[in-house]
Amino acid sequence: MNNRPIGFFDSGLGGLTCIPYLMKALPNERIIYFGDTARTPYGSKATSTIRLFSMEIADFLINENVKMIVIACNTVSATCLTELQQKYPNIPIIGIIEPTAEIVSKTCTEQDHIGIIGTKVTIKSRAYEKLIHTLNPKLNLYTTSCPTFVPLIEEGIIQNEIMDLSIKYYLDNFVTYNKINTLVLGCTHYPLIRKNIEKIYSGLRIINPSAEIIQNITAQLKDNDLLSDKPVFDNTFYASDLSENFVNMINRIFENSEFKVAFKSFDLDNCK
């Protein structure tokens, strides 16, 4: 048993969508979450910049004595997972893409038309396509980037006509032309607009990586004898820019939970 917290991080508030699933599956676990809200979005940045930011945040979480790091960000998982695992070989580090690729490969067939949406960096990396086709090369995969989704979500523009128009702008032709019947939300921000997508495109099967990663987290904790037997920490949510939107999103997602919000800043001059 190990009662240290689990570290989660994302480019902003999107990774928060993983936490309710974790709390439901593993109620004895506690988390330290870091959202890099001062430098979001990552999805249009250079890979070298994303790696630099990710290493900084991982260093911070290691210093907070976490027992595991969960990369609750598809963009970071697509570009930095291997480097982070090599830098910190003594702690389990889990990305969000592999668990979803496994679900897609096992539950979809050649008759399915599978759409994958994400940031520019995630889609350009072809990380989902490569891994899914390694597991099941016969699947039909189609991808498209949706660059405005993350900034709108970070601003809290969700239940809003502007968001619905943005969804239709990126997905109308994509869904219709490719006859998409299964949609992978290849960004942890996107579950926050799942209801919008389902309202516009009824009948789509939605695959949510924020939920799929929990099984892998549980397995890693068990395999490494890291499960907690009693909660001894507060869930703590750090942000590099403690905006009103970040606090409001925590309130929305964790409506009936106790939490503590803290502030962590970086020397951004070194990251220009």
C-alpha atoms as a PDB file:
ATOM      1  CA  MET A   1       0.000   0.000   0.000  1.00  0.00           C
ATOM      2  CA  ASN A   2       1.076   3.582  -0.687  1.00  0.00           C
ATOM      3  CA  ASN A   3      -0.878   6.630   0.439  1.00  0.00           C
ATOM      4  CA  ARG A   4       1.031   9.230  -1.559  1.00  0.00           C
ATOM      5  CA  PRO A   5      -1.026  11.199  -4.130  1.00  0.00           C
ATOM      6  CA  ILE A   6      -1.244  10.567  -7.866  1.00  0.00           C
ATOM      7  CA  GLY A   7       0.005  13.431 -10.051  1.00  0.00           C
ATOM      8  CA  PHE A   8      -2.073  14.551 -13.034  1.00  0.00           C
ATOM      9  CA  PHE A   9      -1.180  17.282 -15.496  1.00  0.00           C
ATOM     10  CA  ASP A  10      -2.594  18.915 -18.579  1.00  0.00           C
ATOM     11  CA  SER A  11      -2.056  22.029 -20.678  1.00  0.00           C
ATOM     12  CA  GLY A  12      -5.051  23.563 -18.936  1.00  0.00           C
ATOM     13  CA  LEU A  13      -8.307  22.460 -17.373  1.00  0.00           C
ATOM     14  CA  GLY A  14      -9.169  19.607 -19.766  1.00  0.00           C
ATOM     15  CA  GLY A  15      -7.416  16.939 -17.713  1.00  0.00           C
ATOM     16  CA  LEU A  16      -9.870  17.626 -14.891  1.00  0.00           C
ATOM     17  CA  THR A  17     -12.337  15.467 -16.836  1.00  0.00           C
ATOM     18  CA  CYS A  18     -10.358  12.361 -15.805  1.00  0.00           C
ATOM     19  CA  ILE A  19     -10.653  12.952 -12.069  1.00  0.00           C
ATOM     20  CA  PRO A  20     -14.340  12.074 -11.433  1.00  0.00           C
ATOM     21  CA  TYR A  21     -13.809   8.674 -13.077  1.00  0.00           C
ATOM     22  CA  LEU A  22     -10.784   8.069 -10.847  1.00  0.00           C
ATOM     23  CA  MET A  23     -12.652   9.120  -7.707  1.00  0.00           C
ATOM     24  CA  LYS A  24     -15.496   6.754  -8.534  1.00  0.00           C
ATOM     25  CA  ALA A  25     -13.226   3.785  -9.310  1.00  0.00           C
ATOM     26  CA  LEU A  26     -10.634   4.413  -6.566  1.00  0.00           C
ATOM     27  CA  PRO A  27     -12.223   6.485  -3.768  1.00  0.00           C
ATOM     28  CA  ASN A  28      -9.214   6.054  -1.450  1.00  0.00           C
ATOM     29  CA  GLU A  29      -6.843   7.768  -3.870  1.00  0.00           C
ATOM     30  CA  ARG A  30      -5.955  11.455  -3.715  1.00  0.00           C
ATOM     31  CA  ILE A  31      -4.548  13.561  -6.510  1.00  0.00           C
ATOM     32  CA  ILE A  32      -2.379  16.573  -7.197  1.00  0.00           C
ATOM     33  CA  TYR A  33      -3.439  18.190 -10.446  1.00  0.00           C
ATOM     34  CA  PHE A  34      -1.480  20.777 -12.412  1.00  0.00           C
ATOM     35  CA  GLY A  35      -3.057  22.764 -15.231  1.00  0.00           C
ATOM     36  CA  ASP A  36      -0.693  24.968 -17.221  1.00  0.00           C
ATOM     37  CA  THR A  37      -3.352  27.612 -17.753  1.00  0.00           C
ATOM     38  CA  ALA A  38      -0.814  30.412 -18.241  1.00  0.00           C
ATOM     39  CA  ARG A  39       0.574  28.758 -21.371  1.00  0.00           C
ATOM     40  CA  THR A  40      -2.422  26.931 -22.803  1.00  0.00           C
ATOM     41  CA  PRO A  41      -3.162  25.816 -25.474  1.00  0.00           C
ATOM     42  CA  TYR A  42      -0.303  23.415 -26.226  1.00  0.00           C
ATOM     43  CA  GLY A  43      -1.880  22.066 -29.401  1.00  0.00           C
ATOM     44  CA  SER A  44      -0.450  24.728 -31.717  1.00  0.00           C
ATOM     45  CA  LYS A  45       3.006  25.014 -30.116  1.00  0.00           C
ATOM     46  CA  ALA A  46       6.317  23.548 -31.301  1.00  0.00           C
ATOM     47  CA  THR A  47       7.097  20.039 -30.030  1.00  0.00           C
ATOM     48  CA  SER A  48      10.316  21.296 -28.420  1.00  0.00           C
ATOM     49  CA  THR A  49       8.314  23.856 -26.420  1.00  0.00           C
ATOM     50  CA  ILE A  50       5.776  21.243 -25.313  1.00  0.00           C
ATOM     51  CA  ARG A  51       8.618  18.992 -24.128  1.00  0.00           C
ATOM     52  CA  LEU A  52      10.185  21.834 -22.143  1.00  0.00           C
ATOM     53  CA  PHE A  53       6.906  22.696 -20.430  1.00  0.00           C
ATOM     54  CA  SER A  54       6.149  19.033 -19.694  1.00  0.00           C
ATOM     55  CA  MET A  55       9.541  18.411 -18.100  1.00  0.00           C
ATOM     56  CA  GLU A  56       9.053  21.445 -15.842  1.00  0.00           C
ATOM     57  CA  ILE A  57       5.663  20.216 -14.679  1.00  0.00           C
ATOM     58  CA  ALA A  58       6.884  16.655 -14.155  1.00  0.00           C
ATOM     59  CA  ASP A  59       9.747  18.010 -12.025  1.00  0.00           C
ATOM     60  CA  PHE A  60       7.206  19.907  -9.931  1.00  0.00           C
ATOM     61  CA  LEU A  61       5.044  16.805  -9.414  1.00  0.00           C
ATOM     62  CA  ILE A  62       8.070  14.687  -8.485  1.00  0.00           C
ATOM     63  CA  ASN A  63       9.009  17.307  -5.885  1.00  0.00           C
ATOM     64  CA  GLU A  64       5.462  17.003  -4.534  1.00  0.00           C
ATOM     65  CA  ASN A  65       6.238  13.299  -3.860  1.00  0.00           C
ATOM     66  CA  VAL A  66       3.616  11.789  -6.162  1.00  0.00           C
ATOM     67  CA  LYS A  67       3.638   8.010  -6.629  1.00  0.00           C
ATOM     68  CA  MET A  68       2.536   8.092 -10.276  1.00  0.00           C
ATOM     69  CA  ILE A  69       2.210  10.659 -13.039  1.00  0.00           C
ATOM     70  CA  VAL A  70      -0.772  10.613 -15.381  1.00  0.00           C
ATOM     71  CA  ILE A  71      -0.396  12.718 -18.520  1.00  0.00           C
ATOM     72  CA  ALA A  72      -4.004  13.857 -18.861  1.00  0.00           C
ATOM     73  CA  CYS A  73      -3.214  15.570 -22.147  1.00  0.00           C
ATOM     74  CA  ASN A  74      -3.288  13.998 -25.600  1.00  0.00           C
ATOM     75  CA  THR A  75      -0.844  16.542 -27.034  1.00  0.00           C
ATOM     76  CA  VAL A  76       1.791  15.776 -24.388  1.00  0.00           C
ATOM     77  CA  SER A  77       1.113  12.030 -24.621  1.00  0.00           C
ATOM     78  CA  ALA A  78       1.638  12.207 -28.391  1.00  0.00           C
ATOM     79  CA  THR A  79       4.946  14.066 -28.162  1.00  0.00           C
ATOM     80  CA  CYS A  80       6.661  13.542 -24.793  1.00  0.00           C
ATOM     81  CA  LEU A  81       5.607  10.276 -23.137  1.00  0.00           C
ATOM     82  CA  THR A  82       8.752   8.312 -23.967  1.00  0.00           C
ATOM     83  CA  GLU A  83      11.075  11.136 -22.904  1.00  0.00           C
ATOM     84  CA  LEU A  84       9.267  11.549 -19.583  1.00  0.00           C
ATOM     85  CA  GLN A  85       9.386   7.813 -18.901  1.00  0.00           C
ATOM     86  CA  GLN A  86      13.112   7.769 -19.669  1.00  0.00           C
ATOM     87  CA  LYS A  87      13.795  10.766 -17.412  1.00  0.00           C
ATOM     88  CA  TYR A  88      11.863   9.263 -14.483  1.00  0.00           C
ATOM     89  CA  PRO A  89      12.359   5.488 -14.723  1.00  0.00           C
ATOM     90  CA  ASN A  90      11.490   4.877 -11.060  1.00  0.00           C
ATOM     91  CA  ILE A  91       7.905   6.120 -11.202  1.00  0.00           C
ATOM     92  CA  PRO A  92       5.016   4.893 -13.387  1.00  0.00           C
ATOM     93  CA  ILE A  93       4.112   7.481 -16.040  1.00  0.00           C
ATOM     94  CA  ILE A  94       0.967   6.845 -18.055  1.00  0.00           C
ATOM     95  CA  GLY A  95      -0.171   8.572 -21.240  1.00  0.00           C
ATOM     96  CA  ILE A  96      -3.774   8.873 -22.326  1.00  0.00           C
ATOM     97  CA  ILE A  97      -3.531   7.644 -25.925  1.00  0.00           C
ATOM     98  CA  GLU A  98      -2.618   3.966 -25.472  1.00  0.00           C
ATOM     99  CA  PRO A  99      -5.666   2.991 -23.338  1.00  0.00           C
ATOM    100  CA  THR A 100      -8.000   4.564 -25.899  1.00  0.00           C
ATOM    101  CA  ALA A 101      -6.221   2.919 -28.823  1.00  0.00           C
ATOM    102  CA  GLU A 102      -6.689  -0.444 -27.117  1.00  0.00           C
ATOM    103  CA  ILE A 103     -10.429   0.137 -26.666  1.00  0.00           C
ATOM    104  CA  VAL A 104     -10.851   1.226 -30.287  1.00  0.00           C
ATOM    105  CA  SER A 105      -8.911  -1.765 -31.621  1.00  0.00           C
ATOM    106  CA  LYS A 106     -10.917  -4.233 -29.515  1.00  0.00           C
ATOM    107  CA  THR A 107     -14.429  -2.836 -29.898  1.00  0.00           C
ATOM    108  CA  CYS A 108     -14.517  -1.537 -33.478  1.00  0.00           C
ATOM    109  CA  THR A 109     -14.744  -3.524 -36.712  1.00  0.00           C
ATOM    110  CA  GLU A 110     -13.993  -3.040 -40.417  1.00  0.00           C
ATOM    111  CA  GLN A 111     -17.562  -1.819 -40.864  1.00  0.00           C
ATOM    112  CA  ASP A 112     -16.979   1.146 -38.568  1.00  0.00           C
ATOM    113  CA  HIS A 113     -15.845   4.557 -39.726  1.00  0.00           C
ATOM    114  CA  ILE A 114     -13.836   5.960 -36.824  1.00  0.00           C
ATOM    115  CA  GLY A 115     -13.205   9.672 -36.547  1.00  0.00           C
ATOM    116  CA  ILE A 116     -10.443  11.032 -34.318  1.00  0.00           C
ATOM    117  CA  ILE A 117     -10.481  14.724 -33.388  1.00  0.00           C
ATOM    118  CA  GLY A 118      -7.755  16.560 -31.512  1.00  0.00           C
ATOM    119  CA  THR A 119      -5.336  19.467 -31.483  1.00  0.00           C
ATOM    120  CA  LYS A 120      -3.088  20.222 -34.442  1.00  0.00           C
ATOM    121  CA  VAL A 121      -0.072  18.633 -32.741  1.00  0.00           C
ATOM    122  CA  THR A 122      -1.920  15.458 -31.753  1.00  0.00           C
ATOM    123  CA  ILE A 123      -3.394  14.949 -35.213  1.00  0.00           C
ATOM    124  CA  LYS A 124      -0.116  15.778 -36.970  1.00  0.00           C
ATOM    125  CA  SER A 125       1.731  13.238 -34.806  1.00  0.00           C
ATOM    126  CA  ARG A 126      -0.586  10.456 -36.064  1.00  0.00           C
ATOM    127  CA  ALA A 127      -0.113   8.860 -32.636  1.00  0.00           C
ATOM    128  CA  TYR A 128      -3.645   7.451 -32.526  1.00  0.00           C
ATOM    129  CA  GLU A 129      -3.518   6.131 -36.075  1.00  0.00           C
ATOM    130  CA  LYS A 130      -0.135   4.452 -35.651  1.00  0.00           C
ATOM    131  CA  LEU A 131      -1.031   2.736 -32.390  1.00  0.00           C
ATOM    132  CA  ILE A 132      -4.542   1.671 -33.415  1.00  0.00           C
ATOM    133  CA  HIS A 133      -3.314   0.258 -36.727  1.00  0.00           C
ATOM    134  CA  THR A 134      -0.528  -1.584 -34.916  1.00  0.00           C
ATOM    135  CA  LEU A 135      -3.219  -3.284 -32.826  1.00  0.00           C
ATOM    136  CA  ASN A 136      -5.814  -3.661 -35.591  1.00  0.00           C
ATOM    137  CA  PRO A 137      -4.617  -2.692 -39.105  1.00  0.00           C
ATOM    138  CA  LYS A 138      -8.022  -3.281 -40.740  1.00  0.00           C
ATOM    139  CA  LEU A 139      -9.839  -0.391 -39.065  1.00  0.00           C
ATOM    140  CA  ASN A 140     -10.956   2.672 -41.034  1.00  0.00           C
ATOM    141  CA  LEU A 141      -9.584   5.805 -39.361  1.00  0.00           C
ATOM    142  CA  TYR A 142     -10.191   9.454 -40.236  1.00  0.00           C
ATOM    143  CA  THR A 143      -8.691  12.443 -38.423  1.00  0.00           C
ATOM    144  CA  THR A 144      -9.160  16.172 -38.210  1.00  0.00           C
ATOM    145  CA  SER A 145      -7.885  18.925 -35.933  1.00  0.00           C
ATOM    146  CA  CYS A 146     -10.221  21.360 -34.187  1.00  0.00           C
ATOM    147  CA  PRO A 147      -7.959  24.216 -33.058  1.00  0.00           C
ATOM    148  CA  THR A 148     -10.565  26.568 -31.596  1.00  0.00           C
ATOM    149  CA  PHE A 149     -12.193  24.047 -29.243  1.00  0.00           C
ATOM    150  CA  VAL A 150      -9.597  24.309 -26.449  1.00  0.00           C
ATOM    151  CA  PRO A 151      -9.480  28.140 -26.257  1.00  0.00           C
ATOM    152  CA  LEU A 152     -13.286  28.299 -26.198  1.00  0.00           C
ATOM    153  CA  ILE A 153     -13.516  25.651 -23.472  1.00  0.00           C
ATOM    154  CA  GLU A 154     -10.801  27.350 -21.427  1.00  0.00           C
ATOM    155  CA  GLU A 155     -12.879  30.543 -21.601  1.00  0.00           C
ATOM    156  CA  GLY A 156     -15.963  28.680 -20.415  1.00  0.00           C
ATOM    157  CA  ILE A 157     -17.768  29.141 -23.750  1.00  0.00           C
ATOM    158  CA  ILE A 158     -19.444  25.734 -23.751  1.00  0.00           C
ATOM    159  CA  GLN A 159     -23.237  25.899 -23.535  1.00  0.00           C
ATOM    160  CA  ASN A 160     -23.240  28.580 -26.147  1.00  0.00           C
ATOM    161  CA  GLU A 161     -24.153  29.059 -29.798  1.00  0.00           C
ATOM    162  CA  ILE A 162     -20.558  30.022 -30.544  1.00  0.00           C
ATOM    163  CA  MET A 163     -19.375  26.570 -29.458  1.00  0.00           C
ATOM    164  CA  ASP A 164     -22.086  24.807 -31.454  1.00  0.00           C
ATOM    165  CA  LEU A 165     -21.171  26.795 -34.562  1.00  0.00           C
ATOM    166  CA  SER A 166     -17.494  25.924 -34.053  1.00  0.00           C
ATOM    167  CA  ILE A 167     -18.357  22.226 -33.755  1.00  0.00           C
ATOM    168  CA  LYS A 168     -20.392  22.341 -36.945  1.00  0.00           C
ATOM    169  CA  TYR A 169     -17.609  24.230 -38.737  1.00  0.00           C
ATOM    170  CA  TYR A 170     -15.056  21.500 -38.046  1.00  0.00           C
ATOM    171  CA  LEU A 171     -17.222  18.395 -38.020  1.00  0.00           C
ATOM    172  CA  ASP A 172     -20.168  18.760 -40.421  1.00  0.00           C
ATOM    173  CA  ASN A 173     -18.259  17.807 -43.581  1.00  0.00           C
ATOM    174  CA  PHE A 174     -15.889  15.519 -41.679  1.00  0.00           C
ATOM    175  CA  VAL A 175     -18.707  13.396 -40.215  1.00  0.00           C
ATOM    176  CA  THR A 176     -20.869  13.394 -43.335  1.00  0.00           C
ATOM    177  CA  TYR A 177     -18.213  12.819 -46.020  1.00  0.00           C
ATOM    178  CA  ASN A 178     -16.432  10.052 -44.073  1.00  0.00           C
ATOM    179  CA  LYS A 179     -19.676   8.491 -42.784  1.00  0.00           C
ATOM    180  CA  ILE A 180     -18.340   8.614 -39.224  1.00  0.00           C
ATOM    181  CA  ASN A 181     -20.231   6.428 -36.749  1.00  0.00           C
ATOM    182  CA  THR A 182     -17.625   6.397 -33.953  1.00  0.00           C
ATOM    183  CA  LEU A 183     -15.866   9.500 -32.679  1.00  0.00           C
ATOM    184  CA  VAL A 184     -12.752   9.522 -30.478  1.00  0.00           C
ATOM    185  CA  LEU A 185     -12.424  12.665 -28.356  1.00  0.00           C
ATOM    186  CA  GLY A 186      -8.661  12.973 -28.794  1.00  0.00           C
ATOM    187  CA  CYS A 187      -8.281  15.824 -26.300  1.00  0.00           C
ATOM    188  CA  THR A 188      -9.228  15.773 -22.616  1.00  0.00           C
ATOM    189  CA  HIS A 189     -10.958  19.141 -23.028  1.00  0.00           C
ATOM    190  CA  TYR A 190     -13.452  17.654 -25.483  1.00  0.00           C
ATOM    191  CA  PRO A 191     -15.565  15.648 -22.981  1.00  0.00           C
ATOM    192  CA  LEU A 192     -16.719  19.054 -21.733  1.00  0.00           C
ATOM    193  CA  ILE A 193     -18.480  19.550 -25.090  1.00  0.00           C
ATOM    194  CA  ARG A 194     -19.632  15.941 -25.477  1.00  0.00           C
ATOM    195  CA  LYS A 195     -23.283  16.896 -24.964  1.00  0.00           C
ATOM    196  CA  ASN A 196     -22.978  19.555 -27.664  1.00  0.00           C
ATOM    197  CA  ILE A 197     -21.575  17.000 -30.104  1.00  0.00           C
ATOM    198  CA  GLU A 198     -24.228  14.396 -29.257  1.00  0.00           C
ATOM    199  CA  LYS A 199     -26.975  16.991 -29.696  1.00  0.00           C
ATOM    200  CA  ILE A 200     -25.721  17.940 -33.169  1.00  0.00           C
ATOM    201  CA  TYR A 201     -24.794  14.428 -34.351  1.00  0.00           C
ATOM    202  CA  SER A 202     -27.228  12.041 -32.706  1.00  0.00           C
ATOM    203  CA  GLY A 203     -26.348   8.365 -32.978  1.00  0.00           C
ATOM    204  CA  LEU A 204     -22.571   8.778 -32.880  1.00  0.00           C
ATOM    205  CA  ARG A 205     -20.723   6.416 -30.561  1.00  0.00           C
ATOM    206  CA  ILE A 206     -18.382   8.578 -28.482  1.00  0.00           C
ATOM    207  CA  ILE A 207     -15.126   7.182 -27.066  1.00  0.00           C
ATOM    208  CA  ASN A 208     -13.816   9.251 -24.176  1.00  0.00           C
ATOM    209  CA  PRO A 209     -10.104   8.831 -23.285  1.00  0.00           C
ATOM    210  CA  SER A 210     -10.691  10.545 -19.924  1.00  0.00           C
ATOM    211  CA  ALA A 211     -12.715   7.496 -18.889  1.00  0.00           C
ATOM    212  CA  GLU A 212     -10.696   4.819 -20.671  1.00  0.00           C
ATOM    213  CA  ILE A 213      -7.421   5.668 -18.898  1.00  0.00           C
ATOM    214  CA  ILE A 214      -8.757   4.728 -15.447  1.00  0.00           C
ATOM    215  CA  GLN A 215      -8.443   0.985 -16.058  1.00  0.00           C
ATOM    216  CA  ASN A 216      -4.757   1.424 -16.896  1.00  0.00           C
ATOM    217  CA  ILE A 217      -4.175   3.582 -13.823  1.00  0.00           C
ATOM    218  CA  THR A 218      -5.786   0.922 -11.627  1.00  0.00           C
ATOM    219  CA  ALA A 219      -3.705  -1.854 -13.175  1.00  0.00           C
ATOM    220  CA  GLN A 220      -0.443   0.074 -12.729  1.00  0.00           C
ATOM    221  CA  LEU A 221      -1.237   0.857  -9.099  1.00  0.00           C
ATOM    222  CA  LYS A 222      -2.011  -2.789  -8.374  1.00  0.00           C
ATOM    223  CA  ASP A 223       1.021  -4.116 -10.249  1.00  0.00           C
ATOM    224  CA  ASN A 224       3.351  -1.758  -8.378  1.00  0.00           C
ATOM    225  CA  ASP A 225       1.648  -2.202  -4.982  1.00  0.00           C
ATOM    226  CA  LEU A 226       0.779   1.512  -4.939  1.00  0.00           C
ATOM    227  CA  LEU A 227      -2.915   1.432  -4.057  1.00  0.00           C
ATOM    228  CA  SER A 228      -3.943   3.622  -1.143  1.00  0.00           C
ATOM    229  CA  ASP A 229      -5.782   2.060   1.782  1.00  0.00           C
ATOM    230  CA  LYS A 230      -6.912   5.349   3.321  1.00  0.00           C
ATOM    231  CA  PRO A 231      -7.063   8.958   2.091  1.00  0.00           C
ATOM    232  CA  VAL A 232      -4.522  11.091   3.946  1.00  0.00           C
ATOM    233  CA  PHE A 233      -4.251  14.089   1.594  1.00  0.00           C
ATOM    234  CA  ASP A 234      -6.577  16.731   0.227  1.00  0.00           C
ATOM    235  CA  ASN A 235      -7.153  16.727  -3.503  1.00  0.00           C
ATOM    236  CA  THR A 236      -5.112  19.729  -4.628  1.00  0.00           C
ATOM    237  CA  PHE A 237      -5.448  21.581  -7.927  1.00  0.00           C
ATOM    238  CA  TYR A 238      -2.582  23.795  -9.071  1.00  0.00           C
ATOM    239  CA  ALA A 239      -2.650  26.214 -11.985  1.00  0.00           C
ATOM    240  CA  SER A 240       0.090  28.358 -13.489  1.00  0.00           C
ATOM    241  CA  ASP A 241      -2.532  31.083 -13.908  1.00  0.00           C
ATOM    242  CA  LEU A 242      -5.248  30.819 -11.283  1.00  0.00           C
ATOM    243  CA  SER A 243      -8.048  32.247 -13.384  1.00  0.00           C
ATOM    244  CA  GLU A 244     -11.711  32.504 -12.535  1.00  0.00           C
ATOM    245  CA  ASN A 245     -12.433  30.041 -15.347  1.00  0.00           C
ATOM    246  CA  PHE A 246     -10.186  27.412 -13.737  1.00  0.00           C
ATOM    247  CA  VAL A 247     -11.925  27.707 -10.377  1.00  0.00           C
ATOM    248  CA  ASN A 248     -15.368  27.720 -12.020  1.00  0.00           C
ATOM    249  CA  MET A 249     -14.526  24.544 -13.934  1.00  0.00           C
ATOM    250  CA  ILE A 250     -13.417  22.808 -10.746  1.00  0.00           C
ATOM    251  CA  ASN A 251     -16.709  23.839  -9.157  1.00  0.00           C
ATOM    252  CA  ARG A 252     -18.626  22.468 -12.154  1.00  0.00           C
ATOM    253  CA  ILE A 253     -16.837  19.121 -12.300  1.00  0.00           C
ATOM    254  CA  PHE A 254     -16.484  18.536  -8.534  1.00  0.00           C
ATOM    255  CA  GLU A 255     -19.747  20.024  -7.396  1.00  0.00           C
ATOM    256  CA  ASN A 256     -20.003  18.035  -4.145  1.00  0.00           C
ATOM    257  CA  SER A 257     -16.322  17.349  -3.453  1.00  0.00           C
ATOM    258  CA  GLU A 258     -13.872  18.940  -1.067  1.00  0.00           C
ATOM    259  CA  PHE A 259     -10.857  20.411  -2.816  1.00  0.00           C
ATOM    260  CA  LYS A 260      -8.063  22.885  -2.331  1.00  0.00           C
ATOM    261  CA  VAL A 261      -6.865  25.268  -5.049  1.00  0.00           C
ATOM    262  CA  ALA A 262      -3.270  26.490  -5.046  1.00  0.00           C
ATOM    263  CA  PHE A 263      -1.048  28.567  -7.299  1.00  0.00           C
ATOM    264  CA  LYS A 264       2.260  27.555  -8.872  1.00  0.00           C
ATOM    265  CA  SER A 265       4.143  29.881 -11.191  1.00  0.00           C
ATOM    266  CA  PHE A 266       7.075  29.206 -13.514  1.00  0.00           C
ATOM    267  CA  ASP A 267       9.787  31.470 -14.849  1.00  0.00           C
ATOM    268  CA  LEU A 268       8.254  31.925 -18.286  1.00  0.00           C
ATOM    269  CA  ASP A 269      11.265  33.965 -19.441  1.00  0.00           C
ATOM    270  CA  ASN A 270      13.138  30.701 -19.799  1.00  0.00           C
ATOM    271  CA  CYS A 271      10.462  29.309 -22.086  1.00  0.00           C
ATOM    272  CA  LYS A 272      10.288  31.941 -24.803  1.00  0.00           C
END
